[in-house]
PDB file of N, CA and C in Angstrom:
ATOM      1  N   MET A   1     -12.723  -2.347   5.831  1.00  0.00           N
ATOM      2  CA  MET A   1     -11.267  -2.195   5.698  1.00  0.00           C
ATOM      3  C   MET A   1     -10.540  -2.662   7.011  1.00  0.00           C
ATOM      4  N   GLN A   2     -11.231  -2.073   8.256  1.00  0.00           N
ATOM      5  CA  GLN A   2     -10.739  -2.430   9.542  1.00  0.00           C
ATOM      6  C   GLN A   2     -10.587  -4.026   9.572  1.00  0.00           C
ATOM      7  N   GLU A   3     -11.911  -4.828   9.289  1.00  0.00           N
ATOM      8  CA  GLU A   3     -11.632  -6.134   9.308  1.00  0.00           C
ATOM      9  C   GLU A   3     -10.574  -6.733   8.532  1.00  0.00           C
ATOM     10  N   PHE A   4     -10.373  -6.228   7.302  1.00  0.00           N
ATOM     11  CA  PHE A   4      -9.329  -7.017   6.678  1.00  0.00           C
ATOM     12  C   PHE A   4      -7.884  -6.513   7.242  1.00  0.00           C
ATOM     13  N   THR A   5      -7.702  -5.251   7.710  1.00  0.00           N
ATOM     14  CA  THR A   5      -6.477  -5.029   8.386  1.00  0.00           C
ATOM     15  C   THR A   5      -6.238  -5.889   9.673  1.00  0.00           C
ATOM     16  N   LEU A   6      -7.329  -6.171  10.358  1.00  0.00           N
ATOM     17  CA  LEU A   6      -7.121  -7.008  11.629  1.00  0.00           C
ATOM     18  C   LEU A   6      -6.822  -8.371  11.278  1.00  0.00           C
ATOM     19  N   GLU A   7      -7.383  -8.867  10.258  1.00  0.00           N
ATOM     20  CA  GLU A   7      -7.138 -10.394   9.789  1.00  0.00           C
ATOM     21  C   GLU A   7      -5.726 -10.384   8.989  1.00  0.00           C
ATOM     22  N   LEU A   8      -5.364  -9.467   8.441  1.00  0.00           N
ATOM     23  CA  LEU A   8      -4.019  -9.560   7.859  1.00  0.00           C
ATOM     24  C   LEU A   8      -2.896  -9.453   9.145  1.00  0.00           C
ATOM     25  N   TRP A   9      -3.141  -8.615  10.139  1.00  0.00           N
ATOM     26  CA  TRP A   9      -2.257  -8.606  11.158  1.00  0.00           C
ATOM     27  C   TRP A   9      -2.240  -9.926  11.811  1.00  0.00           C
ATOM     28  N   GLY A  10      -3.373 -10.432  11.932  1.00  0.00           N
ATOM     29  CA  GLY A  10      -3.494 -11.764  12.767  1.00  0.00           C
ATOM     30  C   GLY A  10      -2.694 -12.829  12.049  1.00  0.00           C
ATOM     31  N   PHE A  11      -2.896 -12.883  10.749  1.00  0.00           N
ATOM     32  CA  PHE A  11      -2.055 -13.752   9.808  1.00  0.00           C
ATOM     33  C   PHE A  11      -0.598 -13.524  10.001  1.00  0.00           C
ATOM     34  N   LEU A  12      -0.243 -12.136   9.803  1.00  0.00           N
ATOM     35  CA  LEU A  12       1.279 -11.895   9.965  1.00  0.00           C
ATOM     36  C   LEU A  12       1.767 -12.352  11.344  1.00  0.00           C
ATOM     37  N   LYS A  13       0.908 -12.258  12.392  1.00  0.00           N
ATOM     38  CA  LYS A  13       1.557 -12.383  13.750  1.00  0.00           C
ATOM     39  C   LYS A  13       1.353 -14.111  13.952  1.00  0.00           C
ATOM     40  N   GLU A  14       0.451 -14.737  13.528  1.00  0.00           N
ATOM     41  CA  GLU A  14       0.385 -16.012  13.818  1.00  0.00           C
ATOM     42  C   GLU A  14       1.412 -16.837  13.096  1.00  0.00           C
ATOM     43  N   ARG A  15       1.742 -16.474  11.770  1.00  0.00           N
ATOM     44  CA  ARG A  15       2.726 -17.115  10.966  1.00  0.00           C
ATOM     45  C   ARG A  15       4.136 -16.582  11.036  1.00  0.00           C
ATOM     46  N   LYS A  16       4.194 -15.594  11.933  1.00  0.00           N
ATOM     47  CA  LYS A  16       5.590 -14.927  12.089  1.00  0.00           C
ATOM     48  C   LYS A  16       6.047 -14.525  10.587  1.00  0.00           C
ATOM     49  N   LYS A  17       5.276 -13.976  10.049  1.00  0.00           N
ATOM     50  CA  LYS A  17       5.816 -13.241   8.590  1.00  0.00           C
ATOM     51  C   LYS A  17       5.872 -11.833   8.664  1.00  0.00           C
ATOM     52  N   PHE A  18       6.506 -11.262   9.645  1.00  0.00           N
ATOM     53  CA  PHE A  18       6.610  -9.697   9.636  1.00  0.00           C
ATOM     54  C   PHE A  18       7.139  -9.024   8.549  1.00  0.00           C
ATOM     55  N   TRP A  19       7.917  -9.790   7.640  1.00  0.00           N
ATOM     56  CA  TRP A  19       8.846  -9.306   6.598  1.00  0.00           C
ATOM     57  C   TRP A  19       7.991  -8.962   5.597  1.00  0.00           C
ATOM     58  N   LEU A  20       6.481  -9.487   5.561  1.00  0.00           N
ATOM     59  CA  LEU A  20       5.594  -9.106   4.587  1.00  0.00           C
ATOM     60  C   LEU A  20       5.125  -7.620   4.577  1.00  0.00           C
ATOM     61  N   LEU A  21       5.174  -7.167   5.833  1.00  0.00           N
ATOM     62  CA  LEU A  21       4.505  -5.922   6.341  1.00  0.00           C
ATOM     63  C   LEU A  21       5.136  -4.702   5.521  1.00  0.00           C
ATOM     64  N   PRO A  22       6.239  -4.499   5.354  1.00  0.00           N
ATOM     65  CA  PRO A  22       6.836  -3.591   4.448  1.00  0.00           C
ATOM     66  C   PRO A  22       6.258  -3.641   2.909  1.00  0.00           C
ATOM     67  N   MET A  23       6.214  -4.826   2.466  1.00  0.00           N
ATOM     68  CA  MET A  23       5.754  -5.067   1.155  1.00  0.00           C
ATOM     69  C   MET A  23       4.388  -4.518   1.059  1.00  0.00           C
ATOM     70  N   VAL A  24       3.499  -4.891   1.839  1.00  0.00           N
ATOM     71  CA  VAL A  24       2.161  -4.478   1.906  1.00  0.00           C
ATOM     72  C   VAL A  24       1.903  -3.112   2.083  1.00  0.00           C
ATOM     73  N   MET A  25       2.656  -2.532   2.916  1.00  0.00           N
ATOM     74  CA  MET A  25       2.617  -1.024   3.245  1.00  0.00           C
ATOM     75  C   MET A  25       2.947  -0.312   1.911  1.00  0.00           C
ATOM     76  N   PHE A  26       4.037  -0.690   1.228  1.00  0.00           N
ATOM     77  CA  PHE A  26       4.582  -0.024   0.125  1.00  0.00           C
ATOM     78  C   PHE A  26       3.443  -0.315  -1.025  1.00  0.00           C
ATOM     79  N   LEU A  27       2.788  -1.207  -1.219  1.00  0.00           N
ATOM     80  CA  LEU A  27       1.804  -1.390  -2.218  1.00  0.00           C
ATOM     81  C   LEU A  27       0.596  -0.728  -1.943  1.00  0.00           C
ATOM     82  N   PHE A  28       0.174  -0.607  -0.657  1.00  0.00           N
ATOM     83  CA  PHE A  28      -0.930   0.249  -0.318  1.00  0.00           C
ATOM     84  C   PHE A  28      -0.645   1.736  -0.594  1.00  0.00           C
ATOM     85  N   LEU A  29       0.570   2.113  -0.341  1.00  0.00           N
ATOM     86  CA  LEU A  29       1.084   3.594  -0.395  1.00  0.00           C
ATOM     87  C   LEU A  29       1.149   3.902  -2.122  1.00  0.00           C
ATOM     88  N   LEU A  30       1.672   3.013  -2.852  1.00  0.00           N
ATOM     89  CA  LEU A  30       1.665   3.110  -4.121  1.00  0.00           C
ATOM     90  C   LEU A  30       0.202   3.287  -4.809  1.00  0.00           C
ATOM     91  N   GLY A  31      -0.632   2.340  -4.409  1.00  0.00           N
ATOM     92  CA  GLY A  31      -2.084   2.402  -4.812  1.00  0.00           C
ATOM     93  C   GLY A  31      -2.597   3.807  -4.344  1.00  0.00           C
ATOM     94  N   ALA A  32      -2.610   4.261  -3.346  1.00  0.00           N
ATOM     95  CA  ALA A  32      -3.025   5.452  -2.841  1.00  0.00           C
ATOM     96  C   ALA A  32      -2.432   6.666  -3.708  1.00  0.00           C
ATOM     97  N   LEU A  33      -1.126   6.602  -3.965  1.00  0.00           N
ATOM     98  CA  LEU A  33      -0.491   7.687  -4.664  1.00  0.00           C
ATOM     99  C   LEU A  33      -1.127   7.841  -6.174  1.00  0.00           C
ATOM    100  N   ILE A  34      -1.521   6.619  -6.752  1.00  0.00           N
ATOM    101  CA  ILE A  34      -2.023   6.474  -7.963  1.00  0.00           C
ATOM    102  C   ILE A  34      -3.252   7.077  -8.104  1.00  0.00           C
ATOM    103  N   VAL A  35      -4.230   6.548  -7.086  1.00  0.00           N
ATOM    104  CA  VAL A  35      -5.561   7.199  -6.959  1.00  0.00           C
ATOM    105  C   VAL A  35      -5.521   8.655  -6.825  1.00  0.00           C
ATOM    106  N   LEU A  36      -4.824   9.084  -5.749  1.00  0.00           N
ATOM    107  CA  LEU A  36      -4.962  10.488  -5.595  1.00  0.00           C
ATOM    108  C   LEU A  36      -4.344  11.339  -6.558  1.00  0.00           C
ATOM    109  N   THR A  37      -3.546  10.914  -7.520  1.00  0.00           N
ATOM    110  CA  THR A  37      -2.978  11.879  -8.419  1.00  0.00           C
ATOM    111  C   THR A  37      -3.568  11.553  -9.831  1.00  0.00           C
ATOM    112  N   GLU A  38      -4.614  10.908  -9.997  1.00  0.00           N
ATOM    113  CA  GLU A  38      -5.140  10.333 -11.320  1.00  0.00           C
ATOM    114  C   GLU A  38      -5.505  11.626 -12.115  1.00  0.00           C
ATOM    115  N   GLY A  39      -6.238  12.553 -11.669  1.00  0.00           N
ATOM    116  CA  GLY A  39      -6.582  13.535 -12.367  1.00  0.00           C
ATOM    117  C   GLY A  39      -6.083  14.729 -12.017  1.00  0.00           C
ATOM    118  N   SER A  40      -4.912  14.854 -11.498  1.00  0.00           N
ATOM    119  CA  SER A  40      -4.495  16.141 -11.114  1.00  0.00           C
ATOM    120  C   SER A  40      -3.130  16.553 -11.961  1.00  0.00           C
ATOM    121  N   ALA A  41      -2.822  17.795 -11.754  1.00  0.00           N
ATOM    122  CA  ALA A  41      -1.812  18.308 -12.600  1.00  0.00           C
ATOM    123  C   ALA A  41      -0.384  17.815 -12.067  1.00  0.00           C
ATOM    124  N   VAL A  42      -0.404  17.036 -11.013  1.00  0.00           N
ATOM    125  CA  VAL A  42       0.740  16.338 -10.523  1.00  0.00           C
ATOM    126  C   VAL A  42       1.208  15.188 -11.248  1.00  0.00           C
ATOM    127  N   ALA A  43       0.176  14.603 -11.825  1.00  0.00           N
ATOM    128  CA  ALA A  43       0.372  13.195 -12.381  1.00  0.00           C
ATOM    129  C   ALA A  43       1.577  13.223 -13.458  1.00  0.00           C
ATOM    130  N   PRO A  44       1.945  14.067 -14.377  1.00  0.00           N
ATOM    131  CA  PRO A  44       2.956  13.932 -15.297  1.00  0.00           C
ATOM    132  C   PRO A  44       4.499  13.801 -14.294  1.00  0.00           C
ATOM    133  N   PHE A  45       4.211  14.477 -13.390  1.00  0.00           N
ATOM    134  CA  PHE A  45       5.827  14.440 -12.628  1.00  0.00           C
ATOM    135  C   PHE A  45       5.745  13.040 -11.886  1.00  0.00           C
ATOM    136  N   ILE A  46       4.541  12.516 -11.549  1.00  0.00           N
ATOM    137  CA  ILE A  46       4.728  11.105 -10.913  1.00  0.00           C
ATOM    138  C   ILE A  46       5.079  10.081 -11.980  1.00  0.00           C
ATOM    139  N   TYR A  47       4.700  10.060 -13.154  1.00  0.00           N
ATOM    140  CA  TYR A  47       4.855   9.253 -14.020  1.00  0.00           C
ATOM    141  C   TYR A  47       6.487   9.243 -14.535  1.00  0.00           C
ATOM    142  N   THR A  48       7.184  10.261 -14.209  1.00  0.00           N
ATOM    143  CA  THR A  48       8.564  10.344 -14.461  1.00  0.00           C
ATOM    144  C   THR A  48       9.542   9.573 -13.457  1.00  0.00           C
ATOM    145  N   LEU A  49       8.976   9.270 -12.232  1.00  0.00           N
ATOM    146  CA  LEU A  49       9.572   8.508 -11.168  1.00  0.00           C
ATOM    147  C   LEU A  49       9.289   7.002 -11.728  1.00  0.00           C
ATOM    148  N   PHE A  50       8.513   6.579 -12.431  1.00  0.00           N
ATOM    149  CA  PHE A  50       8.587   5.103 -12.745  1.00  0.00           C
ATOM    150  C   PHE A  50       8.949   5.107 -14.241  1.00  0.00           C
TER     151      PHE A  50
END
């Protein structure tokens, strides 16, 4: 995971595409939210947000 992060940062830095960083972070947080609430009692409340 660390290698991927460093490679992504190098790509963003070299190509001056810093506007992609918020989108990547949002997708990571959304994925983490889905994985962490998959089997919990909070899941029905998360589904109402979407």
